Amino acid sequence: FGRVEPRATDRTYLRGLLSSVERKNGWQLAEQAGR
């Protein structure tokens, strides 16, 4: 990743995809990450 921000977001995105969140859309993954 070219910048620090996408690196941090990628970690959040990856954790969300691997989580037990039922629906894997942007809103659900953001809420799961506390955003």
All heavy atoms as atom14 arrays in JSON, in Angstrom:
{
  "sequence": "FGRVEPRATDRTYLRGLLSSVERKNGWQLAEQAGR",
  "atom14_mask": [
    [1, 1, 1, 1, 1, 1, 1, 1, 1, 1, 1, 0, 0, 0],
    [1, 1, 1, 1, 0, 0, 0, 0, 0, 0, 0, 0, 0, 0],
    [1, 1, 1, 1, 1, 1, 1, 1, 1, 1, 1, 0, 0, 0],
    [1, 1, 1, 1, 1, 1, 1, 0, 0, 0, 0, 0, 0, 0],
    [1, 1, 1, 1, 1, 1, 1, 1, 1, 0, 0, 0, 0, 0],
    [1, 1, 1, 1, 1, 1, 1, 0, 0, 0, 0, 0, 0, 0],
    [1, 1, 1, 1, 1, 1, 1, 1, 1, 1, 1, 0, 0, 0],
    [1, 1, 1, 1, 1, 0, 0, 0, 0, 0, 0, 0, 0, 0],
    [1, 1, 1, 1, 1, 1, 1, 0, 0, 0, 0, 0, 0, 0],
    [1, 1, 1, 1, 1, 1, 1, 1, 0, 0, 0, 0, 0, 0],
    [1, 1, 1, 1, 1, 1, 1, 1, 1, 1, 1, 0, 0, 0],
    [1, 1, 1, 1, 1, 1, 1, 0, 0, 0, 0, 0, 0, 0],
    [1, 1, 1, 1, 1, 1, 1, 1, 1, 1, 1, 1, 0, 0],
    [1, 1, 1, 1, 1, 1, 1, 1, 0, 0, 0, 0, 0, 0],
    [1, 1, 1, 1, 1, 1, 1, 1, 1, 1, 1, 0, 0, 0],
    [1, 1, 1, 1, 0, 0, 0, 0, 0, 0, 0, 0, 0, 0],
    [1, 1, 1, 1, 1, 1, 1, 1, 0, 0, 0, 0, 0, 0],
    [1, 1, 1, 1, 1, 1, 1, 1, 0, 0, 0, 0, 0, 0],
    [1, 1, 1, 1, 1, 1, 0, 0, 0, 0, 0, 0, 0, 0],
    [1, 1, 1, 1, 1, 1, 0, 0, 0, 0, 0, 0, 0, 0],
    [1, 1, 1, 1, 1, 1, 1, 0, 0, 0, 0, 0, 0, 0],
    [1, 1, 1, 1, 1, 1, 1, 1, 1, 0, 0, 0, 0, 0],
    [1, 1, 1, 1, 1, 1, 1, 1, 1, 1, 1, 0, 0, 0],
    [1, 1, 1, 1, 1, 1, 1, 1, 1, 0, 0, 0, 0, 0],
    [1, 1, 1, 1, 1, 1, 1, 1, 0, 0, 0, 0, 0, 0],
    [1, 1, 1, 1, 0, 0, 0, 0, 0, 0, 0, 0, 0, 0],
    [1, 1, 1, 1, 1, 1, 1, 1, 1, 1, 1, 1, 1, 1],
    [1, 1, 1, 1, 1, 1, 1, 1, 1, 0, 0, 0, 0, 0],
    [1, 1, 1, 1, 1, 1, 1, 1, 0, 0, 0, 0, 0, 0],
    [1, 1, 1, 1, 1, 0, 0, 0, 0, 0, 0, 0, 0, 0],
    [1, 1, 1, 1, 1, 1, 1, 1, 1, 0, 0, 0, 0, 0],
    [1, 1, 1, 1, 1, 1, 1, 1, 1, 0, 0, 0, 0, 0],
    [1, 1, 1, 1, 1, 0, 0, 0, 0, 0, 0, 0, 0, 0],
    [1, 1, 1, 1, 0, 0, 0, 0, 0, 0, 0, 0, 0, 0],
    [1, 1, 1, 1, 1, 1, 1, 1, 1, 1, 1, 0, 0, 0]
  ],
  "atom14_positions": [
    [[0.84, -1.19, 0.0], [0.0, 0.0, 0.0], [0.88, 1.24, 0.0], [1.85, 1.31, 0.74], [-0.92, 0.0, 1.22], [-1.9, -1.13, 1.2], [-1.58, -2.35, 1.76], [-3.12, -0.99, 0.58], [-2.47, -3.41, 1.73], [-4.02, -2.04, 0.54], [-3.69, -3.25, 1.11], [0.0, 0.0, 0.0], [0.0, 0.0, 0.0], [0.0, 0.0, 0.0]],
    [[0.51, 2.19, -0.84], [1.34, 3.38, -1.02], [1.36, 4.34, 0.15], [2.32, 5.08, 0.33], [0.0, 0.0, 0.0], [0.0, 0.0, 0.0], [0.0, 0.0, 0.0], [0.0, 0.0, 0.0], [0.0, 0.0, 0.0], [0.0, 0.0, 0.0], [0.0, 0.0, 0.0], [0.0, 0.0, 0.0], [0.0, 0.0, 0.0], [0.0, 0.0, 0.0]],
    [[0.32, 4.34, 0.98], [0.22, 5.29, 2.08], [-0.14, 4.58, 3.38], [-0.59, 3.44, 3.38], [-0.83, 6.35, 1.77], [-0.5, 7.2, 0.56], [-1.62, 8.15, 0.23], [-2.09, 8.87, 1.38], [-1.83, 10.15, 1.64], [-1.11, 10.85, 0.8], [-2.3, 10.73, 2.72], [0.0, 0.0, 0.0], [0.0, 0.0, 0.0], [0.0, 0.0, 0.0]],
    [[0.03, 5.29, 4.49], [-0.26, 4.72, 5.81], [-1.76, 4.5, 6.01], [-2.16, 3.48, 6.58], [0.29, 5.66, 6.91], [-0.11, 5.19, 8.29], [1.79, 5.77, 6.8], [0.0, 0.0, 0.0], [0.0, 0.0, 0.0], [0.0, 0.0, 0.0], [0.0, 0.0, 0.0], [0.0, 0.0, 0.0], [0.0, 0.0, 0.0], [0.0, 0.0, 0.0]],
    [[-2.59, 5.43, 5.54], [-4.03, 5.33, 5.76], [-4.62, 4.05, 5.17], [-5.38, 3.35, 5.86], [-4.76, 6.55, 5.2], [-4.39, 7.86, 5.86], [-3.16, 8.53, 5.26], [-2.52, 7.94, 4.36], [-2.83, 9.65, 5.69], [0.0, 0.0, 0.0], [0.0, 0.0, 0.0], [0.0, 0.0, 0.0], [0.0, 0.0, 0.0], [0.0, 0.0, 0.0]],
    [[-4.32, 3.71, 3.91], [-4.86, 2.45, 3.39], [-4.35, 1.22, 4.14], [-5.08, 0.24, 4.27], [-4.38, 2.41, 1.93], [-4.11, 3.81, 1.58], [-3.66, 4.46, 2.86], [0.0, 0.0, 0.0], [0.0, 0.0, 0.0], [0.0, 0.0, 0.0], [0.0, 0.0, 0.0], [0.0, 0.0, 0.0], [0.0, 0.0, 0.0], [0.0, 0.0, 0.0]],
    [[-3.13, 1.28, 4.66], [-2.62, 0.15, 5.45], [-3.48, -0.08, 6.68], [-3.84, -1.21, 7.0], [-1.18, 0.4, 5.88], [-0.2, 0.06, 4.83], [1.23, 0.23, 5.34], [1.97, 0.83, 4.26], [2.9, 1.74, 4.39], [3.25, 2.17, 5.58], [3.5, 2.22, 3.34], [0.0, 0.0, 0.0], [0.0, 0.0, 0.0], [0.0, 0.0, 0.0]],
    [[-3.79, 1.0, 7.39], [-4.62, 0.88, 8.59], [-6.03, 0.42, 8.24], [-6.61, -0.42, 8.93], [-4.66, 2.22, 9.32], [0.0, 0.0, 0.0], [0.0, 0.0, 0.0], [0.0, 0.0, 0.0], [0.0, 0.0, 0.0], [0.0, 0.0, 0.0], [0.0, 0.0, 0.0], [0.0, 0.0, 0.0], [0.0, 0.0, 0.0], [0.0, 0.0, 0.0]],
    [[-6.57, 0.95, 7.16], [-7.91, 0.55, 6.74], [-7.93, -0.89, 6.27], [-8.89, -1.63, 6.52], [-8.42, 1.48, 5.63], [-8.39, 2.83, 6.13], [-9.82, 1.13, 5.22], [0.0, 0.0, 0.0], [0.0, 0.0, 0.0], [0.0, 0.0, 0.0], [0.0, 0.0, 0.0], [0.0, 0.0, 0.0], [0.0, 0.0, 0.0], [0.0, 0.0, 0.0]],
    [[-6.86, -1.33, 5.62], [-6.8, -2.71, 5.17], [-6.85, -3.67, 6.35], [-7.49, -4.7, 6.29], [-5.55, -2.95, 4.33], [-5.48, -4.39, 3.86], [-6.43, -4.83, 3.2], [-4.49, -5.06, 4.19], [0.0, 0.0, 0.0], [0.0, 0.0, 0.0], [0.0, 0.0, 0.0], [0.0, 0.0, 0.0], [0.0, 0.0, 0.0], [0.0, 0.0, 0.0]],
    [[-6.18, -3.33, 7.41], [-6.21, -4.17, 8.61], [-7.64, -4.27, 9.13], [-8.13, -5.35, 9.44], [-5.29, -3.58, 9.69], [-5.25, -4.38, 10.96], [-4.29, -3.76, 11.97], [-2.93, -3.78, 11.49], [-2.08, -4.79, 11.67], [-2.48, -5.86, 12.3], [-0.85, -4.72, 11.21], [0.0, 0.0, 0.0], [0.0, 0.0, 0.0], [0.0, 0.0, 0.0]],
    [[-8.34, -3.14, 9.18], [-9.73, -3.12, 9.61], [-10.6, -3.94, 8.68], [-11.45, -4.73, 9.11], [-10.25, -1.66, 9.64], [-9.46, -0.92, 10.56], [-11.71, -1.6, 10.05], [0.0, 0.0, 0.0], [0.0, 0.0, 0.0], [0.0, 0.0, 0.0], [0.0, 0.0, 0.0], [0.0, 0.0, 0.0], [0.0, 0.0, 0.0], [0.0, 0.0, 0.0]],
    [[-10.39, -3.78, 7.38], [-11.17, -4.5, 6.37], [-10.94, -6.01, 6.48], [-11.88, -6.8, 6.48], [-10.8, -3.97, 4.99], [-11.57, -4.59, 3.85], [-12.95, -4.43, 3.75], [-10.93, -5.34, 2.88], [-13.66, -4.99, 2.71], [-11.63, -5.89, 1.83], [-12.99, -5.72, 1.74], [-13.69, -6.27, 0.71], [0.0, 0.0, 0.0], [0.0, 0.0, 0.0]],
    [[-9.68, -6.4, 6.6], [-9.34, -7.83, 6.71], [-9.95, -8.44, 7.96], [-10.54, -9.52, 7.92], [-7.82, -8.01, 6.69], [-7.32, -9.45, 6.8], [-7.8, -10.26, 5.6], [-5.8, -9.45, 6.87], [0.0, 0.0, 0.0], [0.0, 0.0, 0.0], [0.0, 0.0, 0.0], [0.0, 0.0, 0.0], [0.0, 0.0, 0.0], [0.0, 0.0, 0.0]],
    [[-9.84, -7.75, 9.08], [-10.43, -8.27, 10.32], [-11.94, -8.38, 10.2], [-12.54, -9.33, 10.7], [-10.07, -7.37, 11.5], [-8.67, -7.57, 11.96], [-8.38, -6.8, 13.22], [-7.03, -7.08, 13.65], [-6.29, -6.25, 14.33], [-6.78, -5.07, 14.67], [-5.08, -6.57, 14.69], [0.0, 0.0, 0.0], [0.0, 0.0, 0.0], [0.0, 0.0, 0.0]],
    [[-12.55, -7.42, 9.52], [-13.99, -7.48, 9.31], [-14.39, -8.66, 8.45], [-15.38, -9.34, 8.74], [0.0, 0.0, 0.0], [0.0, 0.0, 0.0], [0.0, 0.0, 0.0], [0.0, 0.0, 0.0], [0.0, 0.0, 0.0], [0.0, 0.0, 0.0], [0.0, 0.0, 0.0], [0.0, 0.0, 0.0], [0.0, 0.0, 0.0], [0.0, 0.0, 0.0]],
    [[-13.63, -8.91, 7.38], [-13.95, -10.03, 6.51], [-13.81, -11.37, 7.22], [-14.55, -12.31, 6.94], [-13.05, -10.02, 5.27], [-13.3, -8.91, 4.26], [-12.28, -9.0, 3.13], [-14.71, -8.96, 3.71], [0.0, 0.0, 0.0], [0.0, 0.0, 0.0], [0.0, 0.0, 0.0], [0.0, 0.0, 0.0], [0.0, 0.0, 0.0], [0.0, 0.0, 0.0]],
    [[-12.88, -11.45, 8.15], [-12.66, -12.68, 8.89], [-13.53, -12.79, 10.13], [-13.51, -13.82, 10.81], [-11.18, -12.81, 9.29], [-10.21, -12.92, 8.11], [-8.77, -12.88, 8.62], [-10.47, -14.16, 7.3], [0.0, 0.0, 0.0], [0.0, 0.0, 0.0], [0.0, 0.0, 0.0], [0.0, 0.0, 0.0], [0.0, 0.0, 0.0], [0.0, 0.0, 0.0]],
    [[-14.3, -11.75, 10.43], [-15.13, -11.75, 11.63], [-16.43, -12.53, 11.4], [-16.7, -13.02, 10.3], [-15.47, -10.31, 12.02], [-16.44, -9.78, 11.14], [0.0, 0.0, 0.0], [0.0, 0.0, 0.0], [0.0, 0.0, 0.0], [0.0, 0.0, 0.0], [0.0, 0.0, 0.0], [0.0, 0.0, 0.0], [0.0, 0.0, 0.0], [0.0, 0.0, 0.0]],
    [[-17.23, -12.58, 12.43], [-18.51, -13.28, 12.34], [-19.65, -12.36, 11.94], [-20.82, -12.75, 12.04], [-18.82, -13.95, 13.68], [-18.94, -12.96, 14.69], [0.0, 0.0, 0.0], [0.0, 0.0, 0.0], [0.0, 0.0, 0.0], [0.0, 0.0, 0.0], [0.0, 0.0, 0.0], [0.0, 0.0, 0.0], [0.0, 0.0, 0.0], [0.0, 0.0, 0.0]],
    [[-19.34, -11.16, 11.48], [-20.38, -10.24, 11.03], [-21.17, -10.92, 9.92], [-20.6, -11.49, 8.99], [-19.76, -8.92, 10.51], [-20.81, -8.03, 9.87], [-19.08, -8.19, 11.64], [0.0, 0.0, 0.0], [0.0, 0.0, 0.0], [0.0, 0.0, 0.0], [0.0, 0.0, 0.0], [0.0, 0.0, 0.0], [0.0, 0.0, 0.0], [0.0, 0.0, 0.0]],
    [[-22.5, -10.89, 10.03], [-23.33, -11.64, 9.09], [-23.23, -11.09, 7.67], [-23.04, -11.84, 6.72], [-24.79, -11.61, 9.54], [-25.7, -12.46, 8.68], [-27.11, -12.5, 9.22], [-27.29, -12.53, 10.44], [-28.03, -12.51, 8.39], [0.0, 0.0, 0.0], [0.0, 0.0, 0.0], [0.0, 0.0, 0.0], [0.0, 0.0, 0.0], [0.0, 0.0, 0.0]],
    [[-23.35, -9.8, 7.53], [-23.28, -9.19, 6.2], [-21.98, -8.43, 6.09], [-21.63, -7.64, 6.96], [-24.45, -8.25, 5.98], [-25.75, -8.99, 5.94], [-26.91, -8.04, 5.77], [-28.14, -8.79, 5.81], [-29.12, -8.62, 4.96], [-29.0, -7.74, 4.0], [-30.2, -9.33, 5.06], [0.0, 0.0, 0.0], [0.0, 0.0, 0.0], [0.0, 0.0, 0.0]],
    [[-21.29, -8.65, 5.02], [-19.96, -8.05, 4.85], [-20.03, -6.86, 3.88], [-19.44, -6.87, 2.83], [-18.97, -9.08, 4.3], [-18.92, -10.39, 5.07], [-18.17, -10.25, 6.35], [-17.73, -11.57, 6.84], [-18.05, -12.06, 8.06], [0.0, 0.0, 0.0], [0.0, 0.0, 0.0], [0.0, 0.0, 0.0], [0.0, 0.0, 0.0], [0.0, 0.0, 0.0]],
    [[-20.79, -5.83, 4.25], [-20.8, -4.62, 3.44], [-20.06, -3.52, 4.19], [-19.67, -3.68, 5.34], [-22.24, -4.21, 3.08], [-23.07, -3.88, 4.29], [-22.62, -3.22, 5.23], [-24.32, -4.34, 4.29], [0.0, 0.0, 0.0], [0.0, 0.0, 0.0], [0.0, 0.0, 0.0], [0.0, 0.0, 0.0], [0.0, 0.0, 0.0], [0.0, 0.0, 0.0]],
    [[-19.85, -2.41, 3.53], [-19.06, -1.32, 4.11], [-19.58, -0.84, 5.45], [-18.82, -0.61, 6.39], [0.0, 0.0, 0.0], [0.0, 0.0, 0.0], [0.0, 0.0, 0.0], [0.0, 0.0, 0.0], [0.0, 0.0, 0.0], [0.0, 0.0, 0.0], [0.0, 0.0, 0.0], [0.0, 0.0, 0.0], [0.0, 0.0, 0.0], [0.0, 0.0, 0.0]],
    [[-20.89, -0.64, 5.54], [-21.47, -0.15, 6.79], [-21.28, -1.17, 7.91], [-20.89, -0.8, 9.03], [-22.96, 0.14, 6.61], [-23.22, 1.47, 5.96], [-23.56, 1.68, 4.67], [-23.12, 2.76, 6.57], [-23.69, 3.02, 4.42], [-23.42, 3.71, 5.59], [-22.8, 3.19, 7.84], [-23.42, 5.07, 5.83], [-22.8, 4.56, 8.09], [-23.11, 5.49, 7.09]],
    [[-21.55, -2.43, 7.65], [-21.43, -3.45, 8.68], [-19.99, -3.6, 9.15], [-19.72, -3.73, 10.35], [-21.94, -4.8, 8.16], [-23.4, -4.8, 7.78], [-24.32, -4.76, 8.99], [-23.93, -5.15, 10.07], [-25.52, -4.29, 8.8], [0.0, 0.0, 0.0], [0.0, 0.0, 0.0], [0.0, 0.0, 0.0], [0.0, 0.0, 0.0], [0.0, 0.0, 0.0]],
    [[-19.04, -3.59, 8.21], [-17.64, -3.74, 8.58], [-17.15, -2.52, 9.36], [-16.36, -2.65, 10.3], [-16.78, -3.97, 7.34], [-17.07, -5.27, 6.58], [-16.18, -5.37, 5.35], [-16.91, -6.48, 7.48], [0.0, 0.0, 0.0], [0.0, 0.0, 0.0], [0.0, 0.0, 0.0], [0.0, 0.0, 0.0], [0.0, 0.0, 0.0], [0.0, 0.0, 0.0]],
    [[-17.61, -1.33, 8.98], [-17.24, -0.12, 9.71], [-17.78, -0.17, 11.14], [-17.06, 0.16, 12.1], [-17.74, 1.12, 8.98], [0.0, 0.0, 0.0], [0.0, 0.0, 0.0], [0.0, 0.0, 0.0], [0.0, 0.0, 0.0], [0.0, 0.0, 0.0], [0.0, 0.0, 0.0], [0.0, 0.0, 0.0], [0.0, 0.0, 0.0], [0.0, 0.0, 0.0]],
    [[-19.04, -0.55, 11.3], [-19.62, -0.64, 12.64], [-18.91, -1.68, 13.49], [-18.65, -1.46, 14.66], [-21.11, -0.98, 12.54], [-21.95, 0.17, 12.06], [-23.42, -0.2, 11.89], [-23.79, -1.35, 12.21], [-24.18, 0.67, 11.44], [0.0, 0.0, 0.0], [0.0, 0.0, 0.0], [0.0, 0.0, 0.0], [0.0, 0.0, 0.0], [0.0, 0.0, 0.0]],
    [[-18.56, -2.81, 12.88], [-17.85, -3.86, 13.61], [-16.5, -3.35, 14.09], [-16.03, -3.74, 15.15], [-17.69, -5.08, 12.69], [-17.13, -6.31, 13.36], [-15.62, -6.42, 13.25], [-14.99, -5.78, 12.43], [-15.06, -7.24, 14.1], [0.0, 0.0, 0.0], [0.0, 0.0, 0.0], [0.0, 0.0, 0.0], [0.0, 0.0, 0.0], [0.0, 0.0, 0.0]],
    [[-15.88, -2.47, 13.34], [-14.57, -1.92, 13.69], [-14.68, -0.72, 14.63], [-13.67, -0.15, 15.02], [-13.82, -1.52, 12.43], [0.0, 0.0, 0.0], [0.0, 0.0, 0.0], [0.0, 0.0, 0.0], [0.0, 0.0, 0.0], [0.0, 0.0, 0.0], [0.0, 0.0, 0.0], [0.0, 0.0, 0.0], [0.0, 0.0, 0.0], [0.0, 0.0, 0.0]],
    [[-15.92, -0.31, 14.96], [-16.11, 0.81, 15.86], [-16.05, 2.16, 15.17], [-15.87, 3.18, 15.82], [0.0, 0.0, 0.0], [0.0, 0.0, 0.0], [0.0, 0.0, 0.0], [0.0, 0.0, 0.0], [0.0, 0.0, 0.0], [0.0, 0.0, 0.0], [0.0, 0.0, 0.0], [0.0, 0.0, 0.0], [0.0, 0.0, 0.0], [0.0, 0.0, 0.0]],
    [[-16.23, 2.18, 13.88], [-16.22, 3.45, 13.13], [-17.65, 3.92, 12.88], [-18.57, 3.12, 12.82], [-15.49, 3.27, 11.81], [-14.04, 2.91, 12.04], [-13.25, 3.0, 10.8], [-11.85, 2.7, 11.11], [-10.91, 2.73, 10.22], [-11.18, 3.04, 8.97], [-9.67, 2.46, 10.56], [0.0, 0.0, 0.0], [0.0, 0.0, 0.0], [0.0, 0.0, 0.0]]
  ]
}
